[in-house]
PDB file of N, CA and C in Angstrom:
ATOM      1  N   MET A   1       1.070  -0.735  -0.294  1.00  0.00           N
ATOM      2  CA  MET A   1      -0.127   0.351  -0.281  1.00  0.00           C
ATOM      3  C   MET A   1       0.648   1.090  -0.136  1.00  0.00           C
ATOM      4  N   ALA A   2       0.207   2.133  -0.493  1.00  0.00           N
ATOM      5  CA  ALA A   2       1.157   3.477  -0.339  1.00  0.00           C
ATOM      6  C   ALA A   2       0.118   4.196   0.347  1.00  0.00           C
ATOM      7  N   SER A   3       0.573   5.556   0.885  1.00  0.00           N
ATOM      8  CA  SER A   3       0.035   7.222   1.086  1.00  0.00           C
ATOM      9  C   SER A   3      -0.196   7.938   0.462  1.00  0.00           C
ATOM     10  N   ILE A   4      -0.986   8.399  -0.109  1.00  0.00           N
ATOM     11  CA  ILE A   4      -1.502   9.626  -1.085  1.00  0.00           C
ATOM     12  C   ILE A   4      -2.173  11.228  -0.328  1.00  0.00           C
ATOM     13  N   ALA A   5      -1.403  12.109  -0.899  1.00  0.00           N
ATOM     14  CA  ALA A   5      -1.391  13.153  -0.400  1.00  0.00           C
ATOM     15  C   ALA A   5      -1.748  14.630  -1.286  1.00  0.00           C
ATOM     16  N   ILE A   6      -3.191  14.560  -1.190  1.00  0.00           N
ATOM     17  CA  ILE A   6      -3.901  15.740  -2.553  1.00  0.00           C
ATOM     18  C   ILE A   6      -3.779  17.127  -1.843  1.00  0.00           C
ATOM     19  N   GLY A   7      -3.214  18.011  -2.847  1.00  0.00           N
ATOM     20  CA  GLY A   7      -2.832  19.045  -2.748  1.00  0.00           C
ATOM     21  C   GLY A   7      -3.693  20.061  -3.114  1.00  0.00           C
ATOM     22  N   GLY A   8      -4.782  21.274  -2.637  1.00  0.00           N
ATOM     23  CA  GLY A   8      -5.262  21.766  -3.673  1.00  0.00           C
ATOM     24  C   GLY A   8      -5.637  21.440  -5.063  1.00  0.00           C
ATOM     25  N   VAL A   9      -5.655  20.070  -5.509  1.00  0.00           N
ATOM     26  CA  VAL A   9      -6.270  20.273  -6.949  1.00  0.00           C
ATOM     27  C   VAL A   9      -7.594  20.357  -7.116  1.00  0.00           C
ATOM     28  N   LYS A  10      -7.068  21.216  -9.012  1.00  0.00           N
ATOM     29  CA  LYS A  10      -8.335  21.147  -9.300  1.00  0.00           C
ATOM     30  C   LYS A  10      -8.209  20.598 -10.710  1.00  0.00           C
ATOM     31  N   LYS A  11      -9.511  21.226 -11.361  1.00  0.00           N
ATOM     32  CA  LYS A  11      -9.765  20.877 -12.836  1.00  0.00           C
ATOM     33  C   LYS A  11     -10.505  21.097 -13.268  1.00  0.00           C
ATOM     34  N   ASN A  12      -9.522  21.626 -14.378  1.00  0.00           N
ATOM     35  CA  ASN A  12     -10.637  23.052 -15.567  1.00  0.00           C
ATOM     36  C   ASN A  12     -11.104  21.670 -16.772  1.00  0.00           C
ATOM     37  N   TYR A  13     -11.975  22.445 -17.223  1.00  0.00           N
ATOM     38  CA  TYR A  13     -12.401  21.644 -19.161  1.00  0.00           C
ATOM     39  C   TYR A  13     -12.737  23.399 -19.686  1.00  0.00           C
ATOM     40  N   ALA A  14     -11.926  23.469 -20.306  1.00  0.00           N
ATOM     41  CA  ALA A  14     -12.456  24.888 -21.024  1.00  0.00           C
ATOM     42  C   ALA A  14     -12.573  25.756 -19.522  1.00  0.00           C
ATOM     43  N   LYS A  15     -12.452  26.584 -19.698  1.00  0.00           N
ATOM     44  CA  LYS A  15     -13.405  27.428 -19.112  1.00  0.00           C
ATOM     45  C   LYS A  15     -14.054  27.080 -17.557  1.00  0.00           C
ATOM     46  N   THR A  16     -14.766  25.927 -17.162  1.00  0.00           N
ATOM     47  CA  THR A  16     -15.572  25.590 -16.356  1.00  0.00           C
ATOM     48  C   THR A  16     -14.219  24.942 -15.405  1.00  0.00           C
ATOM     49  N   GLN A  17     -14.782  25.093 -13.876  1.00  0.00           N
ATOM     50  CA  GLN A  17     -13.934  24.233 -13.135  1.00  0.00           C
ATOM     51  C   GLN A  17     -14.550  23.695 -12.777  1.00  0.00           C
ATOM     52  N   VAL A  18     -14.243  21.977 -12.989  1.00  0.00           N
ATOM     53  CA  VAL A  18     -15.716  21.028 -11.898  1.00  0.00           C
ATOM     54  C   VAL A  18     -14.620  20.707 -10.385  1.00  0.00           C
ATOM     55  N   VAL A  19     -13.402  20.384 -10.481  1.00  0.00           N
ATOM     56  CA  VAL A  19     -12.677  19.390  -9.100  1.00  0.00           C
ATOM     57  C   VAL A  19     -12.320  21.158  -8.395  1.00  0.00           C
ATOM     58  N   HIS A  20     -12.526  21.772  -7.935  1.00  0.00           N
ATOM     59  CA  HIS A  20     -12.720  23.198  -6.421  1.00  0.00           C
ATOM     60  C   HIS A  20     -11.445  22.913  -5.237  1.00  0.00           C
ATOM     61  N   GLY A  21     -10.117  22.857  -5.821  1.00  0.00           N
ATOM     62  CA  GLY A  21      -8.875  22.813  -4.742  1.00  0.00           C
ATOM     63  C   GLY A  21      -9.280  21.647  -3.802  1.00  0.00           C
ATOM     64  N   VAL A  22      -9.050  20.962  -3.858  1.00  0.00           N
ATOM     65  CA  VAL A  22      -9.265  19.599  -3.014  1.00  0.00           C
ATOM     66  C   VAL A  22      -7.808  19.137  -2.385  1.00  0.00           C
ATOM     67  N   ASP A  23      -8.024  19.057  -0.901  1.00  0.00           N
ATOM     68  CA  ASP A  23      -7.617  19.161   0.329  1.00  0.00           C
ATOM     69  C   ASP A  23      -7.516  17.294   0.307  1.00  0.00           C
ATOM     70  N   LEU A  24      -6.823  16.294   0.432  1.00  0.00           N
ATOM     71  CA  LEU A  24      -6.915  15.378   1.231  1.00  0.00           C
ATOM     72  C   LEU A  24      -5.672  14.346   1.574  1.00  0.00           C
ATOM     73  N   ASP A  25      -5.298  13.495   2.621  1.00  0.00           N
ATOM     74  CA  ASP A  25      -4.147  12.725   2.432  1.00  0.00           C
ATOM     75  C   ASP A  25      -4.374  11.305   3.055  1.00  0.00           C
ATOM     76  N   PHE A  26      -4.451  10.584   2.318  1.00  0.00           N
ATOM     77  CA  PHE A  26      -4.878   9.163   2.924  1.00  0.00           C
ATOM     78  C   PHE A  26      -3.468   7.884   3.076  1.00  0.00           C
ATOM     79  N   ALA A  27      -3.467   7.794   4.756  1.00  0.00           N
ATOM     80  CA  ALA A  27      -2.379   6.959   4.901  1.00  0.00           C
ATOM     81  C   ALA A  27      -2.122   4.696   4.416  1.00  0.00           C
ATOM     82  N   SER A  28      -1.295   4.604   4.370  1.00  0.00           N
ATOM     83  CA  SER A  28      -0.786   3.730   4.071  1.00  0.00           C
ATOM     84  C   SER A  28      -1.902   2.487   4.547  1.00  0.00           C
ATOM     85  N   GLY A  29      -2.640   1.832   3.685  1.00  0.00           N
ATOM     86  CA  GLY A  29      -3.369   0.752   4.201  1.00  0.00           C
ATOM     87  C   GLY A  29      -4.519   1.440   4.775  1.00  0.00           C
ATOM     88  N   GLU A  30      -4.935   2.483   4.639  1.00  0.00           N
ATOM     89  CA  GLU A  30      -6.145   3.205   5.328  1.00  0.00           C
ATOM     90  C   GLU A  30      -7.683   2.524   4.153  1.00  0.00           C
ATOM     91  N   PHE A  31      -8.644   2.487   4.462  1.00  0.00           N
ATOM     92  CA  PHE A  31      -9.592   2.360   3.366  1.00  0.00           C
ATOM     93  C   PHE A  31     -10.243   3.409   3.709  1.00  0.00           C
ATOM     94  N   VAL A  32     -11.015   4.481   2.526  1.00  0.00           N
ATOM     95  CA  VAL A  32     -11.874   5.752   2.272  1.00  0.00           C
ATOM     96  C   VAL A  32     -12.284   5.221   1.251  1.00  0.00           C
ATOM     97  N   VAL A  33     -14.239   6.364   0.729  1.00  0.00           N
ATOM     98  CA  VAL A  33     -14.833   6.555   0.290  1.00  0.00           C
ATOM     99  C   VAL A  33     -15.118   7.734  -0.255  1.00  0.00           C
ATOM    100  N   ILE A  34     -15.432   8.443  -1.572  1.00  0.00           N
ATOM    101  CA  ILE A  34     -15.730   9.199  -1.769  1.00  0.00           C
ATOM    102  C   ILE A  34     -16.637   9.251  -2.171  1.00  0.00           C
ATOM    103  N   LEU A  35     -17.895   9.946  -1.323  1.00  0.00           N
ATOM    104  CA  LEU A  35     -19.034   9.793  -1.974  1.00  0.00           C
ATOM    105  C   LEU A  35     -19.656  11.381  -2.035  1.00  0.00           C
ATOM    106  N   GLY A  36     -20.271  12.133  -3.096  1.00  0.00           N
ATOM    107  CA  GLY A  36     -21.155  12.824  -3.422  1.00  0.00           C
ATOM    108  C   GLY A  36     -22.311  12.794  -4.426  1.00  0.00           C
ATOM    109  N   PRO A  37     -23.162  13.472  -4.846  1.00  0.00           N
ATOM    110  CA  PRO A  37     -24.121  13.285  -5.924  1.00  0.00           C
ATOM    111  C   PRO A  37     -23.250  12.965  -7.057  1.00  0.00           C
ATOM    112  N   SER A  38     -24.228  13.049  -8.180  1.00  0.00           N
ATOM    113  CA  SER A  38     -23.545  12.815  -9.529  1.00  0.00           C
ATOM    114  C   SER A  38     -23.192  13.830  -9.835  1.00  0.00           C
ATOM    115  N   GLY A  39     -22.090  14.045 -10.795  1.00  0.00           N
ATOM    116  CA  GLY A  39     -20.958  15.070 -11.048  1.00  0.00           C
ATOM    117  C   GLY A  39     -20.511  16.097  -9.981  1.00  0.00           C
ATOM    118  N   CYS A  40     -20.655  15.810  -9.500  1.00  0.00           N
ATOM    119  CA  CYS A  40     -19.840  16.436  -8.235  1.00  0.00           C
ATOM    120  C   CYS A  40     -18.009  16.224  -8.602  1.00  0.00           C
ATOM    121  N   GLY A  41     -16.634  15.251  -9.344  1.00  0.00           N
ATOM    122  CA  GLY A  41     -16.212  14.730  -9.403  1.00  0.00           C
ATOM    123  C   GLY A  41     -15.546  14.055  -9.275  1.00  0.00           C
ATOM    124  N   LYS A  42     -16.062  13.064  -8.498  1.00  0.00           N
ATOM    125  CA  LYS A  42     -15.526  11.909  -7.567  1.00  0.00           C
ATOM    126  C   LYS A  42     -15.091  11.413  -8.362  1.00  0.00           C
ATOM    127  N   SER A  43     -15.462  10.969 -10.093  1.00  0.00           N
ATOM    128  CA  SER A  43     -14.777   9.785 -10.880  1.00  0.00           C
ATOM    129  C   SER A  43     -13.613  11.028 -11.192  1.00  0.00           C
ATOM    130  N   THR A  44     -13.563  11.971 -11.648  1.00  0.00           N
ATOM    131  CA  THR A  44     -12.262  12.774 -12.069  1.00  0.00           C
ATOM    132  C   THR A  44     -11.080  12.968 -11.241  1.00  0.00           C
ATOM    133  N   LEU A  45     -11.704  12.918 -10.075  1.00  0.00           N
ATOM    134  CA  LEU A  45     -10.962  12.976  -8.933  1.00  0.00           C
ATOM    135  C   LEU A  45     -10.430  11.723  -8.695  1.00  0.00           C
ATOM    136  N   LEU A  46     -10.300  10.488  -8.737  1.00  0.00           N
ATOM    137  CA  LEU A  46      -9.682   9.313  -8.995  1.00  0.00           C
ATOM    138  C   LEU A  46      -9.178   8.920 -10.235  1.00  0.00           C
ATOM    139  N   ARG A  47      -9.839   9.721 -11.377  1.00  0.00           N
ATOM    140  CA  ARG A  47      -9.248   9.315 -12.480  1.00  0.00           C
ATOM    141  C   ARG A  47      -7.896  10.386 -12.692  1.00  0.00           C
ATOM    142  N   MET A  48      -8.012  11.319 -11.806  1.00  0.00           N
ATOM    143  CA  MET A  48      -6.429  12.287 -11.499  1.00  0.00           C
ATOM    144  C   MET A  48      -5.125  12.251 -10.490  1.00  0.00           C
ATOM    145  N   ILE A  49      -6.102  10.815  -9.704  1.00  0.00           N
ATOM    146  CA  ILE A  49      -5.053  10.116  -8.875  1.00  0.00           C
ATOM    147  C   ILE A  49      -4.211   8.756  -9.536  1.00  0.00           C
ATOM    148  N   ALA A  50      -4.566   8.086 -10.022  1.00  0.00           N
ATOM    149  CA  ALA A  50      -4.298   7.683 -11.410  1.00  0.00           C
ATOM    150  C   ALA A  50      -3.385   7.750 -12.114  1.00  0.00           C
ATOM    151  N   GLY A  51      -3.459   8.708 -12.957  1.00  0.00           N
ATOM    152  CA  GLY A  51      -2.417   9.506 -14.061  1.00  0.00           C
ATOM    153  C   GLY A  51      -4.032   9.672 -15.356  1.00  0.00           C
ATOM    154  N   LEU A  52      -5.045   9.275 -15.573  1.00  0.00           N
ATOM    155  CA  LEU A  52      -5.940   9.076 -16.199  1.00  0.00           C
ATOM    156  C   LEU A  52      -6.546  10.840 -17.453  1.00  0.00           C
ATOM    157  N   GLU A  53      -5.874  11.252 -15.710  1.00  0.00           N
ATOM    158  CA  GLU A  53      -6.705  12.591 -16.362  1.00  0.00           C
ATOM    159  C   GLU A  53      -5.632  13.325 -15.927  1.00  0.00           C
ATOM    160  N   GLU A  54      -4.874  14.693 -16.288  1.00  0.00           N
ATOM    161  CA  GLU A  54      -3.826  15.944 -15.658  1.00  0.00           C
ATOM    162  C   GLU A  54      -4.632  17.429 -15.407  1.00  0.00           C
ATOM    163  N   ILE A  55      -4.066  16.927 -14.015  1.00  0.00           N
ATOM    164  CA  ILE A  55      -4.425  17.703 -13.006  1.00  0.00           C
ATOM    165  C   ILE A  55      -4.118  19.595 -13.787  1.00  0.00           C
ATOM    166  N   SER A  56      -5.108  20.286 -13.704  1.00  0.00           N
ATOM    167  CA  SER A  56      -5.062  21.832 -13.475  1.00  0.00           C
ATOM    168  C   SER A  56      -3.887  22.575 -12.539  1.00  0.00           C
ATOM    169  N   ASP A  57      -4.012  22.540 -11.454  1.00  0.00           N
ATOM    170  CA  ASP A  57      -3.438  22.790 -10.585  1.00  0.00           C
ATOM    171  C   ASP A  57      -3.626  22.535  -9.354  1.00  0.00           C
ATOM    172  N   GLY A  58      -1.810  22.064  -8.695  1.00  0.00           N
ATOM    173  CA  GLY A  58      -2.396  21.529  -7.176  1.00  0.00           C
ATOM    174  C   GLY A  58      -1.324  20.114  -7.320  1.00  0.00           C
ATOM    175  N   THR A  59      -1.004  19.959  -6.519  1.00  0.00           N
ATOM    176  CA  THR A  59      -0.290  18.079  -6.452  1.00  0.00           C
ATOM    177  C   THR A  59      -0.964  17.066  -5.898  1.00  0.00           C
ATOM    178  N   ILE A  60      -0.066  16.384  -6.363  1.00  0.00           N
ATOM    179  CA  ILE A  60      -0.443  14.518  -6.139  1.00  0.00           C
ATOM    180  C   ILE A  60       0.541  14.042  -5.856  1.00  0.00           C
ATOM    181  N   ALA A  61       0.522  13.833  -4.529  1.00  0.00           N
ATOM    182  CA  ALA A  61       1.939  12.855  -4.221  1.00  0.00           C
ATOM    183  C   ALA A  61       1.854  11.305  -3.815  1.00  0.00           C
ATOM    184  N   ILE A  62       2.557  10.466  -4.311  1.00  0.00           N
ATOM    185  CA  ILE A  62       2.401   8.840  -3.684  1.00  0.00           C
ATOM    186  C   ILE A  62       3.797   8.814  -3.171  1.00  0.00           C
ATOM    187  N   ASP A  63       3.343   8.418  -1.915  1.00  0.00           N
ATOM    188  CA  ASP A  63       5.017   7.497  -1.000  1.00  0.00           C
ATOM    189  C   ASP A  63       5.545   9.135  -0.724  1.00  0.00           C
ATOM    190  N   GLY A  64       5.502  10.774  -0.389  1.00  0.00           N
ATOM    191  CA  GLY A  64       5.966  11.668  -0.640  1.00  0.00           C
ATOM    192  C   GLY A  64       6.509  11.851  -1.884  1.00  0.00           C
ATOM    193  N   THR A  65       6.461  11.250  -3.455  1.00  0.00           N
ATOM    194  CA  THR A  65       6.715  11.889  -4.302  1.00  0.00           C
ATOM    195  C   THR A  65       5.515  12.569  -5.131  1.00  0.00           C
ATOM    196  N   VAL A  66       5.787  13.239  -5.480  1.00  0.00           N
ATOM    197  CA  VAL A  66       4.693  14.378  -6.368  1.00  0.00           C
ATOM    198  C   VAL A  66       5.013  13.100  -7.674  1.00  0.00           C
ATOM    199  N   VAL A  67       3.707  13.224  -8.327  1.00  0.00           N
ATOM    200  CA  VAL A  67       3.858  12.374  -9.261  1.00  0.00           C
ATOM    201  C   VAL A  67       2.882  13.042 -10.570  1.00  0.00           C
ATOM    202  N   ASN A  68       1.895  14.050 -10.713  1.00  0.00           N
ATOM    203  CA  ASN A  68       1.526  15.180 -11.382  1.00  0.00           C
ATOM    204  C   ASN A  68       1.687  14.852 -13.050  1.00  0.00           C
ATOM    205  N   LYS A  69       3.355  14.820 -13.273  1.00  0.00           N
ATOM    206  CA  LYS A  69       3.875  14.511 -14.539  1.00  0.00           C
ATOM    207  C   LYS A  69       3.927  13.271 -14.869  1.00  0.00           C
ATOM    208  N   LEU A  70       3.353  12.477 -13.918  1.00  0.00           N
ATOM    209  CA  LEU A  70       4.042  10.573 -14.211  1.00  0.00           C
ATOM    210  C   LEU A  70       3.273  10.079 -14.903  1.00  0.00           C
ATOM    211  N   GLU A  71       3.697   9.219 -15.816  1.00  0.00           N
ATOM    212  CA  GLU A  71       2.405   8.177 -16.776  1.00  0.00           C
ATOM    213  C   GLU A  71       1.559   7.206 -15.047  1.00  0.00           C
ATOM    214  N   PRO A  72       0.603   6.447 -15.854  1.00  0.00           N
ATOM    215  CA  PRO A  72       0.323   6.324 -15.069  1.00  0.00           C
ATOM    216  C   PRO A  72       1.093   4.685 -14.369  1.00  0.00           C
ATOM    217  N   ARG A  73       1.361   4.232 -15.228  1.00  0.00           N
ATOM    218  CA  ARG A  73       2.333   3.009 -14.803  1.00  0.00           C
ATOM    219  C   ARG A  73       4.008   3.484 -13.835  1.00  0.00           C
ATOM    220  N   GLU A  74       3.919   4.884 -14.097  1.00  0.00           N
ATOM    221  CA  GLU A  74       4.923   5.057 -13.559  1.00  0.00           C
ATOM    222  C   GLU A  74       5.492   5.421 -11.545  1.00  0.00           C
ATOM    223  N   ARG A  75       3.857   5.409 -11.532  1.00  0.00           N
ATOM    224  CA  ARG A  75       3.000   6.274  -9.901  1.00  0.00           C
ATOM    225  C   ARG A  75       3.123   4.445  -9.011  1.00  0.00           C
ATOM    226  N   GLY A  76       3.635   4.970  -8.093  1.00  0.00           N
ATOM    227  CA  GLY A  76       3.392   3.748  -7.013  1.00  0.00           C
ATOM    228  C   GLY A  76       2.540   3.159  -7.088  1.00  0.00           C
TER     229      GLY A  76
END
């Protein structure tokens, strides 16, 4: 397992901001549930963590290493 730190992550599509400055920390081995209504950015957030979606601003770190520019296969 790996720890994940998300700091001020935002996602924009054209001029529309769909994820607004998310800050989260997940400890290694911790189980997390992300809840919210349809269209609130849950899947987009998970896709950004996985590296399938580029972030517009902020940082995503896995085990202390910022992975913003890494391909999915290069992430912890």
